[in-house]
Amino acid sequence: MMNLYTAIGTYKLNTRRLPTVVCGNREYGMDAHELLLWTSLSFRILTYQELRAEFYERERELHILGELDFDHYLNRLIMRRLVAVGKDCTGVDALYDLLGHLHVQSIPDNAFIKAITFCKLVLFRKIPFHKAASIFRSVSLEPMEECILSLVKTQTLSTAELILCTENGISKLKDNDALMEALYADEETDCNTIISECRVSETRFSVLSAIANLYLKQRITFQIV
């Protein structure tokens, strides 16, 4: 059995400058060990063994050794729905179990913020110009990745919905009404039936690969609704 894990939500500092994660329109505070584990999974998909090894390595590096073990923090974040887990016998099925029900949210590409950050790195952090520029170099996208970004540009869609859209040749949705008409015209169809149907779709391979790549390239985040 393979277990895969990833982070849900987006990191932010609250009004008191404390680290929080925004997930499902709620803000969650975390202690140091929970934050260490969550950030280890942010924009990454790891197995149990990989995550456990990284957690203890970073715990030693940061000198924040705790009394509780790794599984305590992991299970707590899973219960709070800040970490997702997917389990199955094969890698692709475990990946679908992990991502199928999660909603994909695009990360805005804000050129102004990038420019300000670039200036800070060069002027105040004294990072060489070429090295600072390399940080903001755009990563090229595959056609399927471009298609996924186009679909989630105006609204948040689940991975299962994205698989079904791709299977039906839908590359753009104007609004939520267009989504309902395209995928939920049948009264018997709901989110759960789409998740079940797409588990065996041949299209899932290419869509799952594209979504995982976009996540690793930090172009999307995962959310729950």
C-alpha atoms as a PDB file:
ATOM      1  CA  MET A   1       0.000   0.000   0.000  1.00  0.00           C
ATOM      2  CA  MET A   2       1.344   3.422  -0.983  1.00  0.00           C
ATOM      3  CA  ASN A   3       0.547   6.534   1.064  1.00  0.00           C
ATOM      4  CA  LEU A   4       0.955  10.005  -0.462  1.00  0.00           C
ATOM      5  CA  TYR A   5       0.603  13.326   1.366  1.00  0.00           C
ATOM      6  CA  THR A   6       0.322  16.997   0.428  1.00  0.00           C
ATOM      7  CA  ALA A   7      -0.588  20.314   2.038  1.00  0.00           C
ATOM      8  CA  ILE A   8      -4.009  21.937   1.694  1.00  0.00           C
ATOM      9  CA  GLY A   9      -4.546  25.694   1.853  1.00  0.00           C
ATOM     10  CA  THR A  10      -2.334  28.750   1.556  1.00  0.00           C
ATOM     11  CA  TYR A  11       0.146  30.242   3.988  1.00  0.00           C
ATOM     12  CA  LYS A  12      -0.239  33.809   5.275  1.00  0.00           C
ATOM     13  CA  LEU A  13       0.659  36.025   8.209  1.00  0.00           C
ATOM     14  CA  ASN A  14      -2.405  37.213  10.110  1.00  0.00           C
ATOM     15  CA  THR A  15      -2.991  40.716  11.452  1.00  0.00           C
ATOM     16  CA  ARG A  16      -0.775  39.923  14.453  1.00  0.00           C
ATOM     17  CA  ARG A  17       2.027  38.725  12.136  1.00  0.00           C
ATOM     18  CA  LEU A  18       1.524  35.121  13.226  1.00  0.00           C
ATOM     19  CA  PRO A  19       1.789  32.282  10.659  1.00  0.00           C
ATOM     20  CA  THR A  20      -1.555  30.798   9.641  1.00  0.00           C
ATOM     21  CA  VAL A  21      -2.997  28.647   6.864  1.00  0.00           C
ATOM     22  CA  VAL A  22      -6.163  29.690   5.041  1.00  0.00           C
ATOM     23  CA  CYS A  23      -8.244  26.687   4.057  1.00  0.00           C
ATOM     24  CA  GLY A  24     -11.938  26.454   3.193  1.00  0.00           C
ATOM     25  CA  ASN A  25     -12.427  30.177   3.965  1.00  0.00           C
ATOM     26  CA  ARG A  26     -11.102  29.645   7.500  1.00  0.00           C
ATOM     27  CA  GLU A  27      -7.835  30.660   9.108  1.00  0.00           C
ATOM     28  CA  TYR A  28      -5.949  28.052  11.118  1.00  0.00           C
ATOM     29  CA  GLY A  29      -3.139  28.726  13.582  1.00  0.00           C
ATOM     30  CA  MET A  30      -0.413  26.137  14.013  1.00  0.00           C
ATOM     31  CA  ASP A  31       2.330  25.431  16.517  1.00  0.00           C
ATOM     32  CA  ALA A  32       5.962  25.193  15.438  1.00  0.00           C
ATOM     33  CA  HIS A  33       5.911  21.449  14.722  1.00  0.00           C
ATOM     34  CA  GLU A  34       2.643  21.575  12.785  1.00  0.00           C
ATOM     35  CA  LEU A  35       3.977  24.456  10.707  1.00  0.00           C
ATOM     36  CA  LEU A  36       7.224  22.572  10.084  1.00  0.00           C
ATOM     37  CA  LEU A  37       5.292  19.564   8.803  1.00  0.00           C
ATOM     38  CA  TRP A  38       2.832  21.616   6.720  1.00  0.00           C
ATOM     39  CA  THR A  39       5.609  23.625   5.041  1.00  0.00           C
ATOM     40  CA  SER A  40       7.461  20.390   4.290  1.00  0.00           C
ATOM     41  CA  LEU A  41       4.441  19.422   2.161  1.00  0.00           C
ATOM     42  CA  SER A  42       3.731  22.828   0.648  1.00  0.00           C
ATOM     43  CA  PHE A  43       4.132  22.512  -3.156  1.00  0.00           C
ATOM     44  CA  ARG A  44       5.301  18.936  -2.683  1.00  0.00           C
ATOM     45  CA  ILE A  45       3.817  15.435  -2.723  1.00  0.00           C
ATOM     46  CA  LEU A  46       5.663  12.986  -0.476  1.00  0.00           C
ATOM     47  CA  THR A  47       5.375   9.416   0.718  1.00  0.00           C
ATOM     48  CA  TYR A  48       5.054   8.664   4.424  1.00  0.00           C
ATOM     49  CA  GLN A  49       8.724   7.655   4.674  1.00  0.00           C
ATOM     50  CA  GLU A  50       9.937  10.779   2.825  1.00  0.00           C
ATOM     51  CA  LEU A  51       7.811  13.110   4.944  1.00  0.00           C
ATOM     52  CA  ARG A  52       8.807  11.457   8.222  1.00  0.00           C
ATOM     53  CA  ALA A  53      12.525  11.629   7.383  1.00  0.00           C
ATOM     54  CA  GLU A  54      12.288  15.291   6.360  1.00  0.00           C
ATOM     55  CA  PHE A  55      10.286  16.217   9.470  1.00  0.00           C
ATOM     56  CA  TYR A  56      12.906  14.834  11.857  1.00  0.00           C
ATOM     57  CA  GLU A  57      15.789  16.274   9.839  1.00  0.00           C
ATOM     58  CA  ARG A  58      14.291  19.769   9.833  1.00  0.00           C
ATOM     59  CA  GLU A  59      13.350  19.416  13.517  1.00  0.00           C
ATOM     60  CA  ARG A  60      17.020  18.796  14.348  1.00  0.00           C
ATOM     61  CA  GLU A  61      18.236  21.600  12.083  1.00  0.00           C
ATOM     62  CA  LEU A  62      15.873  24.137  13.685  1.00  0.00           C
ATOM     63  CA  HIS A  63      16.559  22.873  17.233  1.00  0.00           C
ATOM     64  CA  ILE A  64      12.865  22.524  18.078  1.00  0.00           C
ATOM     65  CA  LEU A  65      12.850  18.938  19.328  1.00  0.00           C
ATOM     66  CA  GLY A  66       9.430  18.150  20.791  1.00  0.00           C
ATOM     67  CA  GLU A  67       8.006  15.632  23.218  1.00  0.00           C
ATOM     68  CA  LEU A  68       5.420  14.283  20.765  1.00  0.00           C
ATOM     69  CA  ASP A  69       6.224  12.122  17.751  1.00  0.00           C
ATOM     70  CA  PHE A  70       5.753  12.708  14.017  1.00  0.00           C
ATOM     71  CA  ASP A  71       2.519  10.703  13.744  1.00  0.00           C
ATOM     72  CA  HIS A  72       0.828  12.875  16.364  1.00  0.00           C
ATOM     73  CA  TYR A  73       1.383  16.054  14.323  1.00  0.00           C
ATOM     74  CA  LEU A  74       0.552  14.363  11.025  1.00  0.00           C
ATOM     75  CA  ASN A  75      -2.736  12.908  12.275  1.00  0.00           C
ATOM     76  CA  ARG A  76      -3.681  16.229  13.845  1.00  0.00           C
ATOM     77  CA  LEU A  77      -3.193  18.084  10.547  1.00  0.00           C
ATOM     78  CA  ILE A  78      -5.154  15.398   8.676  1.00  0.00           C
ATOM     79  CA  MET A  79      -8.028  15.718  11.159  1.00  0.00           C
ATOM     80  CA  ARG A  80      -7.980  19.510  10.723  1.00  0.00           C
ATOM     81  CA  ARG A  81      -8.016  18.956   6.938  1.00  0.00           C
ATOM     82  CA  LEU A  82      -4.802  20.890   6.438  1.00  0.00           C
ATOM     83  CA  VAL A  83      -3.022  17.821   5.063  1.00  0.00           C
ATOM     84  CA  ALA A  84      -4.503  15.365   2.566  1.00  0.00           C
ATOM     85  CA  VAL A  85      -3.588  11.695   2.286  1.00  0.00           C
ATOM     86  CA  GLY A  86      -4.104   9.298  -0.605  1.00  0.00           C
ATOM     87  CA  LYS A  87      -3.798   5.522  -0.254  1.00  0.00           C
ATOM     88  CA  ASP A  88      -3.803   2.749  -2.843  1.00  0.00           C
ATOM     89  CA  CYS A  89      -1.770  -0.111  -4.239  1.00  0.00           C
ATOM     90  CA  THR A  90      -0.321   1.766  -7.229  1.00  0.00           C
ATOM     91  CA  GLY A  91       1.201   5.222  -7.556  1.00  0.00           C
ATOM     92  CA  VAL A  92      -1.394   6.628  -9.965  1.00  0.00           C
ATOM     93  CA  ASP A  93      -4.320   5.316  -7.903  1.00  0.00           C
ATOM     94  CA  ALA A  94      -2.805   6.713  -4.696  1.00  0.00           C
ATOM     95  CA  LEU A  95      -2.314  10.051  -6.475  1.00  0.00           C
ATOM     96  CA  TYR A  96      -5.956  10.073  -7.576  1.00  0.00           C
ATOM     97  CA  ASP A  97      -7.083   9.159  -4.061  1.00  0.00           C
ATOM     98  CA  LEU A  98      -5.006  12.114  -2.836  1.00  0.00           C
ATOM     99  CA  LEU A  99      -6.089  14.725  -5.396  1.00  0.00           C
ATOM    100  CA  GLY A 100      -9.433  13.570  -6.807  1.00  0.00           C
ATOM    101  CA  HIS A 101     -11.587  15.386  -4.246  1.00  0.00           C
ATOM    102  CA  LEU A 102      -9.323  18.422  -3.772  1.00  0.00           C
ATOM    103  CA  HIS A 103     -10.090  21.682  -5.547  1.00  0.00           C
ATOM    104  CA  VAL A 104      -7.427  23.305  -7.698  1.00  0.00           C
ATOM    105  CA  GLN A 105      -6.918  27.055  -7.282  1.00  0.00           C
ATOM    106  CA  SER A 106      -4.629  29.056  -9.549  1.00  0.00           C
ATOM    107  CA  ILE A 107      -2.009  31.377  -8.079  1.00  0.00           C
ATOM    108  CA  PRO A 108      -2.160  34.858  -9.645  1.00  0.00           C
ATOM    109  CA  ASP A 109       0.938  35.834 -11.599  1.00  0.00           C
ATOM    110  CA  ASN A 110       1.422  39.347 -10.203  1.00  0.00           C
ATOM    111  CA  ALA A 111       4.171  41.121 -12.186  1.00  0.00           C
ATOM    112  CA  PHE A 112       4.176  44.170  -9.859  1.00  0.00           C
ATOM    113  CA  ILE A 113       4.838  42.068  -6.732  1.00  0.00           C
ATOM    114  CA  LYS A 114       7.559  40.169  -8.579  1.00  0.00           C
ATOM    115  CA  ALA A 115       9.229  43.443  -9.575  1.00  0.00           C
ATOM    116  CA  ILE A 116       9.172  44.796  -6.008  1.00  0.00           C
ATOM    117  CA  THR A 117      10.538  41.517  -4.626  1.00  0.00           C
ATOM    118  CA  PHE A 118      13.270  41.482  -7.272  1.00  0.00           C
ATOM    119  CA  CYS A 119      14.368  45.026  -6.297  1.00  0.00           C
ATOM    120  CA  LYS A 120      14.473  44.063  -2.621  1.00  0.00           C
ATOM    121  CA  LEU A 121      16.652  41.042  -3.349  1.00  0.00           C
ATOM    122  CA  VAL A 122      19.131  43.087  -5.428  1.00  0.00           C
ATOM    123  CA  LEU A 123      19.192  46.336  -3.432  1.00  0.00           C
ATOM    124  CA  PHE A 124      18.769  45.202   0.157  1.00  0.00           C
ATOM    125  CA  ARG A 125      19.755  41.529   0.253  1.00  0.00           C
ATOM    126  CA  LYS A 126      22.689  42.186  -2.110  1.00  0.00           C
ATOM    127  CA  ILE A 127      21.886  39.093  -4.185  1.00  0.00           C
ATOM    128  CA  PRO A 128      23.649  39.215  -7.594  1.00  0.00           C
ATOM    129  CA  PHE A 129      21.453  40.447 -10.442  1.00  0.00           C
ATOM    130  CA  HIS A 130      21.654  37.231 -12.481  1.00  0.00           C
ATOM    131  CA  LYS A 131      20.854  35.060  -9.457  1.00  0.00           C
ATOM    132  CA  ALA A 132      17.844  37.198  -8.494  1.00  0.00           C
ATOM    133  CA  ALA A 133      16.613  37.116 -12.101  1.00  0.00           C
ATOM    134  CA  SER A 134      16.839  33.318 -12.191  1.00  0.00           C
ATOM    135  CA  ILE A 135      14.422  33.090  -9.258  1.00  0.00           C
ATOM    136  CA  PHE A 136      11.672  34.771 -11.288  1.00  0.00           C
ATOM    137  CA  ARG A 137      12.374  33.076 -14.615  1.00  0.00           C
ATOM    138  CA  SER A 138       9.112  31.677 -15.967  1.00  0.00           C
ATOM    139  CA  VAL A 139       8.904  27.901 -16.180  1.00  0.00           C
ATOM    140  CA  SER A 140       7.545  26.643 -19.493  1.00  0.00           C
ATOM    141  CA  LEU A 141       4.263  24.728 -19.373  1.00  0.00           C
ATOM    142  CA  GLU A 142       3.076  21.692 -21.296  1.00  0.00           C
ATOM    143  CA  PRO A 143      -0.180  21.950 -23.338  1.00  0.00           C
ATOM    144  CA  MET A 144      -2.153  19.986 -20.734  1.00  0.00           C
ATOM    145  CA  GLU A 145      -0.835  22.233 -17.972  1.00  0.00           C
ATOM    146  CA  GLU A 146      -1.914  25.310 -19.951  1.00  0.00           C
ATOM    147  CA  CYS A 147      -5.359  23.750 -20.388  1.00  0.00           C
ATOM    148  CA  ILE A 148      -5.720  23.098 -16.646  1.00  0.00           C
ATOM    149  CA  LEU A 149      -4.709  26.680 -15.817  1.00  0.00           C
ATOM    150  CA  SER A 150      -7.215  27.998 -18.341  1.00  0.00           C
ATOM    151  CA  LEU A 151     -10.018  25.985 -16.734  1.00  0.00           C
ATOM    152  CA  VAL A 152      -9.254  27.166 -13.184  1.00  0.00           C
ATOM    153  CA  LYS A 153      -8.607  30.772 -14.181  1.00  0.00           C
ATOM    154  CA  THR A 154     -12.142  31.956 -13.354  1.00  0.00           C
ATOM    155  CA  GLN A 155     -13.203  29.399 -10.738  1.00  0.00           C
ATOM    156  CA  THR A 156     -11.947  26.618  -8.500  1.00  0.00           C
ATOM    157  CA  LEU A 157     -12.532  23.109  -9.860  1.00  0.00           C
ATOM    158  CA  SER A 158     -11.919  19.724  -8.287  1.00  0.00           C
ATOM    159  CA  THR A 159      -9.393  17.382  -9.848  1.00  0.00           C
ATOM    160  CA  ALA A 160     -12.246  15.020 -10.781  1.00  0.00           C
ATOM    161  CA  GLU A 161     -14.090  17.871 -12.518  1.00  0.00           C
ATOM    162  CA  LEU A 162     -10.929  18.763 -14.422  1.00  0.00           C
ATOM    163  CA  ILE A 163     -10.562  15.168 -15.593  1.00  0.00           C
ATOM    164  CA  LEU A 164     -14.166  15.123 -16.800  1.00  0.00           C
ATOM    165  CA  CYS A 165     -13.769  18.484 -18.559  1.00  0.00           C
ATOM    166  CA  THR A 166     -10.693  17.200 -20.379  1.00  0.00           C
ATOM    167  CA  GLU A 167     -12.457  13.959 -21.267  1.00  0.00           C
ATOM    168  CA  ASN A 168     -15.337  15.959 -22.782  1.00  0.00           C
ATOM    169  CA  GLY A 169     -13.052  18.339 -24.683  1.00  0.00           C
ATOM    170  CA  ILE A 170     -13.917  21.364 -22.519  1.00  0.00           C
ATOM    171  CA  SER A 171     -10.981  23.778 -22.366  1.00  0.00           C
ATOM    172  CA  LYS A 172     -12.662  26.869 -20.902  1.00  0.00           C
ATOM    173  CA  LEU A 173     -15.602  27.621 -18.618  1.00  0.00           C
ATOM    174  CA  LYS A 174     -17.075  31.105 -18.499  1.00  0.00           C
ATOM    175  CA  ASP A 175     -18.658  30.826 -15.052  1.00  0.00           C
ATOM    176  CA  ASN A 176     -20.310  28.461 -12.584  1.00  0.00           C
ATOM    177  CA  ASP A 177     -23.445  28.233 -14.745  1.00  0.00           C
ATOM    178  CA  ALA A 178     -21.321  26.943 -17.613  1.00  0.00           C
ATOM    179  CA  LEU A 179     -19.785  24.367 -15.258  1.00  0.00           C
ATOM    180  CA  MET A 180     -23.193  23.144 -14.101  1.00  0.00           C
ATOM    181  CA  GLU A 181     -24.434  22.881 -17.680  1.00  0.00           C
ATOM    182  CA  ALA A 182     -21.326  21.045 -18.845  1.00  0.00           C
ATOM    183  CA  LEU A 183     -20.919  18.529 -16.018  1.00  0.00           C
ATOM    184  CA  TYR A 184     -24.057  18.481 -13.878  1.00  0.00           C
ATOM    185  CA  ALA A 185     -26.897  18.590 -16.430  1.00  0.00           C
ATOM    186  CA  ASP A 186     -27.972  15.102 -15.309  1.00  0.00           C
ATOM    187  CA  GLU A 187     -29.896  15.298 -12.012  1.00  0.00           C
ATOM    188  CA  GLU A 188     -28.247  12.082 -10.806  1.00  0.00           C
ATOM    189  CA  THR A 189     -24.764  13.538 -11.181  1.00  0.00           C
ATOM    190  CA  ASP A 190     -23.075  15.124  -8.171  1.00  0.00           C
ATOM    191  CA  CYS A 191     -19.535  15.610  -6.882  1.00  0.00           C
ATOM    192  CA  ASN A 192     -19.331  12.088  -5.449  1.00  0.00           C
ATOM    193  CA  THR A 193     -20.453  10.364  -8.640  1.00  0.00           C
ATOM    194  CA  ILE A 194     -17.924  12.356 -10.689  1.00  0.00           C
ATOM    195  CA  ILE A 195     -15.140  11.380  -8.274  1.00  0.00           C
ATOM    196  CA  SER A 196     -16.128   7.708  -8.567  1.00  0.00           C
ATOM    197  CA  GLU A 197     -16.425   7.782 -12.363  1.00  0.00           C
ATOM    198  CA  CYS A 198     -13.127   9.568 -12.947  1.00  0.00           C
ATOM    199  CA  ARG A 199     -11.232   7.063 -10.792  1.00  0.00           C
ATOM    200  CA  VAL A 200     -11.184   4.701 -13.812  1.00  0.00           C
ATOM    201  CA  SER A 201     -11.006   7.310 -16.592  1.00  0.00           C
ATOM    202  CA  GLU A 202      -8.119   6.894 -19.034  1.00  0.00           C
ATOM    203  CA  THR A 203      -7.805  10.694 -19.088  1.00  0.00           C
ATOM    204  CA  ARG A 204      -6.856  10.733 -15.412  1.00  0.00           C
ATOM    205  CA  PHE A 205      -3.228   9.851 -16.168  1.00  0.00           C
ATOM    206  CA  SER A 206      -2.432  12.987 -18.182  1.00  0.00           C
ATOM    207  CA  VAL A 207      -4.548  15.302 -16.001  1.00  0.00           C
ATOM    208  CA  LEU A 208      -3.068  14.037 -12.733  1.00  0.00           C
ATOM    209  CA  SER A 209       0.423  14.454 -14.161  1.00  0.00           C
ATOM    210  CA  ALA A 210      -0.359  18.019 -15.285  1.00  0.00           C
ATOM    211  CA  ILE A 211      -1.877  18.980 -11.925  1.00  0.00           C
ATOM    212  CA  ALA A 212       1.047  17.501  -9.983  1.00  0.00           C
ATOM    213  CA  ASN A 213       3.522  19.360 -12.220  1.00  0.00           C
ATOM    214  CA  LEU A 214       1.665  22.660 -11.837  1.00  0.00           C
ATOM    215  CA  TYR A 215       1.713  22.202  -8.067  1.00  0.00           C
ATOM    216  CA  LEU A 216       5.449  21.486  -8.032  1.00  0.00           C
ATOM    217  CA  LYS A 217       5.961  24.577 -10.246  1.00  0.00           C
ATOM    218  CA  GLN A 218       3.976  26.601  -7.656  1.00  0.00           C
ATOM    219  CA  ARG A 219       1.293  27.657 -10.132  1.00  0.00           C
ATOM    220  CA  ILE A 220      -1.642  26.184  -8.167  1.00  0.00           C
ATOM    221  CA  THR A 221      -2.660  25.329  -4.611  1.00  0.00           C
ATOM    222  CA  PHE A 222      -5.130  22.792  -3.281  1.00  0.00           C
ATOM    223  CA  GLN A 223      -8.262  23.750  -1.367  1.00  0.00           C
ATOM    224  CA  ILE A 224     -11.328  22.103   0.147  1.00  0.00           C
ATOM    225  CA  VAL A 225     -14.885  23.425  -0.077  1.00  0.00           C
END
